[in-house]
Amino acid sequence: MNGYVLQRLLGAVPVLFGVTVLAFLFVRMIPGDPARNIAGERANEEILAQVRRVHGLDEPLPAQYARFLGRIAQGDLGTSLQTNEPVTREIAARFPATIELTLCAVLLATVIGVALGIVASLRPGSVLDLVTMGGALVGVSLPVFCLGYVLIIAVGDHMPYAGRLDEGLRDGFAPRTPFYLVEALVRGEWAALRSVVAHLALPALALSTVPLAVVARITRSSMLEVLSQDYVRTARAKGLSRAAVVLRHALRNATIPIVTVLGVQTGYLLGGAVLTETVFAWPGLGRFVVTAIGERDYPAIQGGVLLFATTFVLVNLLVDVLYARLDPRVRLGGTS
């Protein structure tokens, strides 16, 4: 197992190296001059040249890329051109909000998706099955930003849909960590907890639609396969209740593909919450990267993309290890 993990980590190095190359080149294909954004529209060429020299934008691309890699090796992602703060500090301040939103969306997708998949698998071909799977198909097809605006129009007058906490509670709650939900729960700040959950509800619901639909369909397919196995029929013949057969025997053996899908979807959501954060003004890393693109903030874009890619690789590695733990027949890095 340890050898497999080490092998995967070493294999991630060329992947992340390719990500740095693509991120470096793509951000420089964005139209516009970052020096103009920093200096202002009325800046003359002398001021623009000075700004480019200060930020190293006048160097050849290979030299800029070499400096970028050198900073990464030192744990430094550069300085944001829009805030003049270290990119690592900006990411540390915003990424926890993205993690909190993503985990809540994954939790919703898991609970609701698995429940719908089980219900549909117990009555295949029924009206309930057709409605459930049809809804899952709509969930996969509906763009997140479109659903977000629909939710805002439908219930925006009754629920908050911007930010993470009511302004009136900021002074009284004064969160000491960027994880508002966990901190409010641990400290027993119930008014703040209600506000945090209310602000999380709509963006988490919008973000969870695609993984929810995928989980529902995978759960249904996996459960249908497991329910036809001999050991399930044996459990029924022994007189076990239907709930015990479904939950204790069938669902337990159907979780492996579900866990795999959830891991992949979690990696996607951590890097793909950009639209959701933009629609709901969620102060996470995705929104920060969108703003950085508009400002041609090269270091911020590169740092955000690299973090998203690293997170995706690590989440997939964790899923592979968990897969082996759930199924003893699988031996990672060896024979099966």
Protein backbone atom coordinates (compact mmCIF):
# COMPACT_ATOMS: atom_id res chain seq x y z
CA MET A 1 0.00 0.00 0.00
CA ASN A 2 2.74 2.47 0.94
CA GLY A 3 4.58 1.69 -2.27
CA TYR A 4 1.45 2.33 -4.29
CA VAL A 5 0.84 5.68 -2.60
CA LEU A 6 4.46 6.72 -3.18
CA GLN A 7 4.20 5.62 -6.82
CA ARG A 8 1.05 7.68 -7.32
CA LEU A 9 2.58 10.73 -5.68
CA LEU A 10 5.63 10.48 -7.91
CA GLY A 11 3.34 10.02 -10.92
CA ALA A 12 1.54 13.22 -9.98
CA VAL A 13 4.74 15.26 -10.43
CA PRO A 14 4.70 15.29 -14.28
CA VAL A 15 0.94 15.94 -14.20
CA LEU A 16 1.38 19.00 -12.00
CA PHE A 17 4.35 20.09 -14.09
CA GLY A 18 2.11 20.00 -17.17
CA VAL A 19 -0.49 22.01 -15.27
CA THR A 20 2.08 24.72 -14.51
CA VAL A 21 3.03 24.91 -18.19
CA LEU A 22 -0.57 25.16 -19.39
CA ALA A 23 -1.57 27.64 -16.69
CA PHE A 24 1.46 29.81 -17.41
CA LEU A 25 0.81 29.88 -21.17
CA PHE A 26 -2.98 30.20 -21.06
CA VAL A 27 -3.05 33.18 -18.71
CA ARG A 28 -0.72 35.03 -21.04
CA MET A 29 -3.17 34.43 -23.88
CA ILE A 30 -5.81 36.49 -22.05
CA PRO A 31 -6.33 39.76 -23.95
CA GLY A 32 -5.18 42.86 -22.16
CA ASP A 33 -2.10 44.26 -20.44
CA PRO A 34 -1.72 43.57 -16.69
CA ALA A 35 0.62 46.54 -16.40
CA ARG A 36 -2.17 48.78 -17.72
CA ASN A 37 -4.55 47.40 -15.10
CA ILE A 38 -2.04 48.16 -12.36
CA ALA A 39 -0.95 51.61 -13.51
CA GLY A 40 -4.31 52.84 -14.79
CA GLU A 41 -5.67 53.81 -18.18
CA ARG A 42 -3.94 57.21 -18.18
CA ALA A 43 -0.44 55.88 -17.47
CA ASN A 44 2.17 56.74 -20.08
CA GLU A 45 4.63 54.30 -21.61
CA GLU A 46 7.39 55.19 -19.16
CA ILE A 47 5.22 54.26 -16.17
CA LEU A 48 4.04 51.08 -17.92
CA ALA A 49 7.62 50.05 -18.62
CA GLN A 50 8.51 50.62 -14.95
CA VAL A 51 5.55 48.51 -13.80
CA ARG A 52 6.50 45.68 -16.18
CA ARG A 53 10.09 45.82 -14.89
CA VAL A 54 9.00 45.71 -11.23
CA HIS A 55 6.78 42.67 -11.78
CA GLY A 56 9.10 40.93 -14.22
CA LEU A 57 6.62 41.21 -17.10
CA ASP A 58 9.29 42.56 -19.44
CA GLU A 59 11.37 39.38 -19.25
CA PRO A 60 11.20 36.64 -21.91
CA LEU A 61 8.58 33.97 -21.29
CA PRO A 62 11.15 31.23 -20.49
CA ALA A 63 12.69 33.46 -17.83
CA GLN A 64 9.27 34.24 -16.34
CA TYR A 65 8.39 30.55 -16.27
CA ALA A 66 11.72 29.63 -14.65
CA ARG A 67 11.11 32.23 -11.95
CA PHE A 68 7.58 30.83 -11.47
CA LEU A 69 8.92 27.28 -10.97
CA GLY A 70 11.62 28.55 -8.62
CA ARG A 71 9.02 30.20 -6.42
CA ILE A 72 6.88 27.06 -6.38
CA ALA A 73 9.89 25.05 -5.19
CA GLN A 74 10.19 27.50 -2.29
CA GLY A 75 6.46 27.37 -1.49
CA ASP A 76 5.93 30.86 -2.90
CA LEU A 77 3.26 31.51 -5.54
CA GLY A 78 4.20 35.15 -6.04
CA THR A 79 2.40 38.38 -5.21
CA SER A 80 -1.10 39.16 -6.41
CA LEU A 81 -1.18 42.06 -8.85
CA GLN A 82 -4.67 43.10 -7.74
CA THR A 83 -4.19 43.06 -3.94
CA ASN A 84 -0.39 43.29 -3.66
CA GLU A 85 -0.56 40.45 -1.12
CA PRO A 86 1.18 37.05 -1.33
CA VAL A 87 -0.93 34.65 -3.36
CA THR A 88 -0.47 31.93 -0.72
CA ARG A 89 -2.05 34.22 1.86
CA GLU A 90 -4.95 35.06 -0.43
CA ILE A 91 -5.54 31.37 -1.13
CA ALA A 92 -5.35 30.47 2.56
CA ALA A 93 -7.99 33.10 3.32
CA ARG A 94 -10.43 31.94 0.61
CA PHE A 95 -9.92 28.22 0.02
CA PRO A 96 -11.58 27.17 3.32
CA ALA A 97 -14.81 28.82 2.15
CA THR A 98 -14.65 26.75 -1.05
CA ILE A 99 -13.95 23.59 0.97
CA GLU A 100 -16.92 24.29 3.25
CA LEU A 101 -19.25 24.88 0.32
CA THR A 102 -18.00 21.81 -1.54
CA LEU A 103 -18.30 19.45 1.43
CA CYS A 104 -21.85 20.61 2.12
CA ALA A 105 -22.74 20.05 -1.54
CA VAL A 106 -21.16 16.58 -1.46
CA LEU A 107 -23.08 15.74 1.72
CA LEU A 108 -26.36 16.76 0.09
CA ALA A 109 -25.51 14.81 -3.05
CA THR A 110 -24.60 11.71 -1.04
CA VAL A 111 -27.64 11.61 1.24
CA ILE A 112 -30.27 12.51 -1.35
CA GLY A 113 -28.60 10.74 -4.29
CA VAL A 114 -28.11 7.44 -2.46
CA ALA A 115 -31.66 7.54 -1.10
CA LEU A 116 -33.14 8.19 -4.56
CA GLY A 117 -30.96 5.50 -6.11
CA ILE A 118 -32.07 2.91 -3.54
CA VAL A 119 -35.74 3.77 -3.96
CA ALA A 120 -35.46 3.57 -7.75
CA SER A 121 -33.62 0.22 -7.62
CA LEU A 122 -36.30 -1.40 -5.47
CA ARG A 123 -38.96 -0.74 -8.10
CA PRO A 124 -37.23 -0.75 -11.50
CA GLY A 125 -39.43 0.33 -14.38
CA SER A 126 -42.06 1.89 -12.12
CA VAL A 127 -43.32 5.45 -12.35
CA LEU A 128 -41.18 6.33 -9.32
CA ASP A 129 -38.11 4.93 -11.06
CA LEU A 130 -38.80 6.84 -14.27
CA VAL A 131 -39.45 10.10 -12.40
CA THR A 132 -36.31 9.71 -10.27
CA MET A 133 -34.00 8.91 -13.15
CA GLY A 134 -35.62 11.57 -15.33
CA GLY A 135 -34.97 14.11 -12.60
CA ALA A 136 -31.38 12.90 -12.38
CA LEU A 137 -30.97 13.42 -16.13
CA VAL A 138 -32.29 16.97 -15.79
CA GLY A 139 -29.91 17.57 -12.88
CA VAL A 140 -26.92 16.53 -14.97
CA SER A 141 -28.02 18.64 -17.94
CA LEU A 142 -29.02 21.84 -16.13
CA PRO A 143 -26.19 24.41 -15.96
CA VAL A 144 -25.23 25.36 -12.41
CA PHE A 145 -25.38 29.10 -13.05
CA CYS A 146 -28.85 28.75 -14.56
CA LEU A 147 -30.14 26.82 -11.55
CA GLY A 148 -28.49 29.34 -9.25
CA TYR A 149 -30.39 32.25 -10.78
CA VAL A 150 -33.62 30.22 -10.71
CA LEU A 151 -33.15 29.59 -6.98
CA ILE A 152 -32.43 33.26 -6.32
CA ILE A 153 -35.55 34.33 -8.20
CA ALA A 154 -37.71 31.65 -6.57
CA VAL A 155 -36.68 31.94 -2.92
CA GLY A 156 -34.26 34.85 -2.80
CA ASP A 157 -36.79 37.00 -0.94
CA HIS A 158 -36.99 34.47 1.89
CA MET A 159 -33.39 33.25 2.15
CA PRO A 160 -29.99 34.97 2.01
CA TYR A 161 -28.05 34.23 -1.15
CA ALA A 162 -24.90 36.35 -0.89
CA GLY A 163 -21.93 36.07 1.43
CA ARG A 164 -21.40 33.66 4.32
CA LEU A 165 -22.86 35.46 7.34
CA ASP A 166 -25.36 38.19 8.16
CA GLU A 167 -23.65 41.54 8.58
CA GLY A 168 -25.33 42.14 11.95
CA LEU A 169 -23.73 38.99 13.40
CA ARG A 170 -20.15 39.64 12.33
CA ASP A 171 -19.20 41.72 15.38
CA GLY A 172 -20.88 39.41 17.88
CA PHE A 173 -19.66 36.16 16.34
CA ALA A 174 -16.20 37.34 15.20
CA PRO A 175 -15.05 34.05 13.64
CA ARG A 176 -11.44 33.24 14.45
CA THR A 177 -11.07 30.64 11.67
CA PRO A 178 -12.23 30.62 8.03
CA PHE A 179 -14.44 27.59 8.71
CA TYR A 180 -17.58 29.40 9.86
CA LEU A 181 -19.87 26.37 10.03
CA VAL A 182 -17.56 24.25 12.20
CA GLU A 183 -16.60 27.14 14.45
CA ALA A 184 -20.20 28.22 15.06
CA LEU A 185 -21.13 24.62 15.89
CA VAL A 186 -18.18 24.08 18.24
CA ARG A 187 -18.66 27.40 20.04
CA GLY A 188 -22.41 26.88 20.38
CA GLU A 189 -23.20 30.15 18.58
CA TRP A 190 -26.65 29.06 17.47
CA ALA A 191 -27.72 32.37 15.93
CA ALA A 192 -24.52 32.45 13.89
CA LEU A 193 -24.95 28.76 13.00
CA ARG A 194 -28.46 29.40 11.65
CA SER A 195 -27.15 32.31 9.61
CA VAL A 196 -24.23 30.30 8.21
CA VAL A 197 -26.49 27.38 7.27
CA ALA A 198 -29.00 29.75 5.65
CA HIS A 199 -26.27 31.34 3.54
CA LEU A 200 -24.91 27.90 2.61
CA ALA A 201 -28.25 26.39 1.62
CA LEU A 202 -28.81 27.86 -1.84
CA PRO A 203 -25.23 27.69 -3.20
CA ALA A 204 -24.75 24.18 -1.79
CA LEU A 205 -28.03 23.04 -3.33
CA ALA A 206 -27.10 24.51 -6.72
CA LEU A 207 -23.62 23.00 -6.60
CA SER A 208 -24.90 19.57 -5.53
CA THR A 209 -27.25 18.98 -8.48
CA VAL A 210 -24.75 17.38 -10.85
CA PRO A 211 -23.07 15.03 -8.31
CA LEU A 212 -26.51 14.23 -6.84
CA ALA A 213 -27.78 13.11 -10.22
CA VAL A 214 -24.64 11.08 -10.93
CA VAL A 215 -24.74 9.41 -7.50
CA ALA A 216 -28.43 8.56 -7.90
CA ARG A 217 -27.86 6.85 -11.24
CA ILE A 218 -24.74 4.99 -10.08
CA THR A 219 -26.49 3.88 -6.88
CA ARG A 220 -29.45 2.55 -8.85
CA SER A 221 -27.24 0.61 -11.27
CA SER A 222 -25.03 -0.79 -8.54
CA MET A 223 -27.97 -1.76 -6.34
CA LEU A 224 -29.74 -3.52 -9.22
CA GLU A 225 -26.61 -5.58 -9.81
CA VAL A 226 -26.14 -6.45 -6.14
CA LEU A 227 -29.82 -7.25 -5.49
CA SER A 228 -29.62 -10.03 -8.08
CA GLN A 229 -26.74 -11.79 -6.34
CA ASP A 230 -27.11 -15.16 -4.62
CA TYR A 231 -26.14 -13.94 -1.15
CA VAL A 232 -28.97 -11.37 -1.23
CA ARG A 233 -31.48 -14.08 -2.09
CA THR A 234 -30.03 -16.20 0.70
CA ALA A 235 -30.46 -13.35 3.17
CA ARG A 236 -34.08 -13.02 2.12
CA ALA A 237 -34.61 -16.77 2.47
CA LYS A 238 -33.30 -16.62 6.05
CA GLY A 239 -36.20 -14.32 6.90
CA LEU A 240 -34.28 -11.05 7.29
CA SER A 241 -36.36 -7.92 7.00
CA ARG A 242 -36.30 -6.01 3.74
CA ALA A 243 -34.54 -3.07 5.37
CA ALA A 244 -31.80 -5.34 6.73
CA VAL A 245 -31.28 -6.99 3.35
CA VAL A 246 -31.13 -3.68 1.50
CA LEU A 247 -29.06 -1.65 3.95
CA ARG A 248 -26.84 -4.24 5.62
CA HIS A 249 -26.12 -6.58 2.72
CA ALA A 250 -26.92 -4.92 -0.61
CA LEU A 251 -25.95 -1.29 0.04
CA ARG A 252 -22.72 -2.23 1.79
CA ASN A 253 -21.50 -4.09 -1.29
CA ALA A 254 -22.82 -1.43 -3.66
CA THR A 255 -20.85 1.40 -2.04
CA ILE A 256 -17.58 0.83 -3.91
CA PRO A 257 -18.60 2.47 -7.23
CA ILE A 258 -20.51 5.11 -5.25
CA VAL A 259 -17.39 6.04 -3.28
CA THR A 260 -15.38 6.21 -6.48
CA VAL A 261 -17.88 8.55 -8.11
CA LEU A 262 -18.12 10.71 -4.99
CA GLY A 263 -14.35 11.09 -4.86
CA VAL A 264 -14.14 12.16 -8.48
CA GLN A 265 -17.08 14.53 -8.08
CA THR A 266 -15.52 16.06 -4.96
CA GLY A 267 -12.37 16.80 -6.92
CA TYR A 268 -14.42 18.36 -9.70
CA LEU A 269 -16.44 20.48 -7.28
CA LEU A 270 -13.39 21.82 -5.45
CA GLY A 271 -12.08 23.11 -8.78
CA GLY A 272 -15.40 23.78 -10.42
CA ALA A 273 -17.26 25.88 -7.87
CA VAL A 274 -16.32 28.99 -9.84
CA LEU A 275 -19.74 29.62 -11.35
CA THR A 276 -21.60 28.90 -8.12
CA GLU A 277 -19.36 31.22 -6.12
CA THR A 278 -19.77 33.95 -8.71
CA VAL A 279 -23.58 33.70 -8.85
CA PHE A 280 -23.99 33.67 -5.06
CA ALA A 281 -21.14 36.11 -4.29
CA TRP A 282 -19.48 33.38 -2.23
CA PRO A 283 -16.05 34.62 -1.04
CA GLY A 284 -14.17 31.50 -2.06
CA LEU A 285 -11.17 30.74 -4.19
CA GLY A 286 -13.20 30.25 -7.36
CA ARG A 287 -14.57 33.78 -7.23
CA PHE A 288 -11.09 35.08 -6.45
CA VAL A 289 -9.73 33.40 -9.59
CA VAL A 290 -12.57 34.82 -11.71
CA THR A 291 -11.74 38.31 -10.45
CA ALA A 292 -8.06 37.64 -11.11
CA ILE A 293 -8.84 36.71 -14.72
CA GLY A 294 -10.67 39.99 -15.19
CA GLU A 295 -7.69 41.87 -13.74
CA ARG A 296 -5.07 39.84 -15.68
CA ASP A 297 -3.55 38.88 -12.33
CA TYR A 298 -1.12 36.23 -13.56
CA PRO A 299 0.25 35.01 -10.18
CA ALA A 300 -3.23 34.65 -8.67
CA ILE A 301 -4.58 32.70 -11.65
CA GLN A 302 -1.55 30.41 -11.76
CA GLY A 303 -1.69 29.78 -8.01
CA GLY A 304 -5.42 29.03 -8.05
CA VAL A 305 -5.19 26.65 -11.01
CA LEU A 306 -2.21 24.83 -9.48
CA LEU A 307 -4.03 24.40 -6.16
CA PHE A 308 -7.16 23.07 -7.89
CA ALA A 309 -5.07 20.56 -9.85
CA THR A 310 -3.15 19.43 -6.76
CA THR A 311 -6.38 18.98 -4.82
CA PHE A 312 -7.90 16.91 -7.62
CA VAL A 313 -4.87 14.62 -7.75
CA LEU A 314 -4.83 14.11 -3.97
CA VAL A 315 -8.58 13.44 -3.80
CA ASN A 316 -8.29 10.78 -6.50
CA LEU A 317 -5.39 9.17 -4.65
CA LEU A 318 -7.47 9.09 -1.46
CA VAL A 319 -10.33 7.46 -3.37
CA ASP A 320 -8.03 4.73 -4.69
CA VAL A 321 -6.75 3.97 -1.19
CA LEU A 322 -10.28 3.96 0.23
CA TYR A 323 -11.37 1.64 -2.58
CA ALA A 324 -8.78 -0.90 -1.45
CA ARG A 325 -9.92 -0.56 2.15
CA LEU A 326 -13.56 -1.17 1.25
CA ASP A 327 -12.86 -4.15 -1.00
CA PRO A 328 -10.25 -6.55 0.46
CA ARG A 329 -10.02 -8.29 -2.91
CA VAL A 330 -8.24 -5.25 -4.33
CA ARG A 331 -4.51 -5.03 -3.69
CA LEU A 332 -3.14 -1.73 -4.85
CA GLY A 333 0.24 -1.96 -6.44
CA GLY A 334 0.13 -5.74 -6.55
CA THR A 335 -1.97 -8.65 -7.71
CA SER A 336 -5.70 -8.81 -7.21
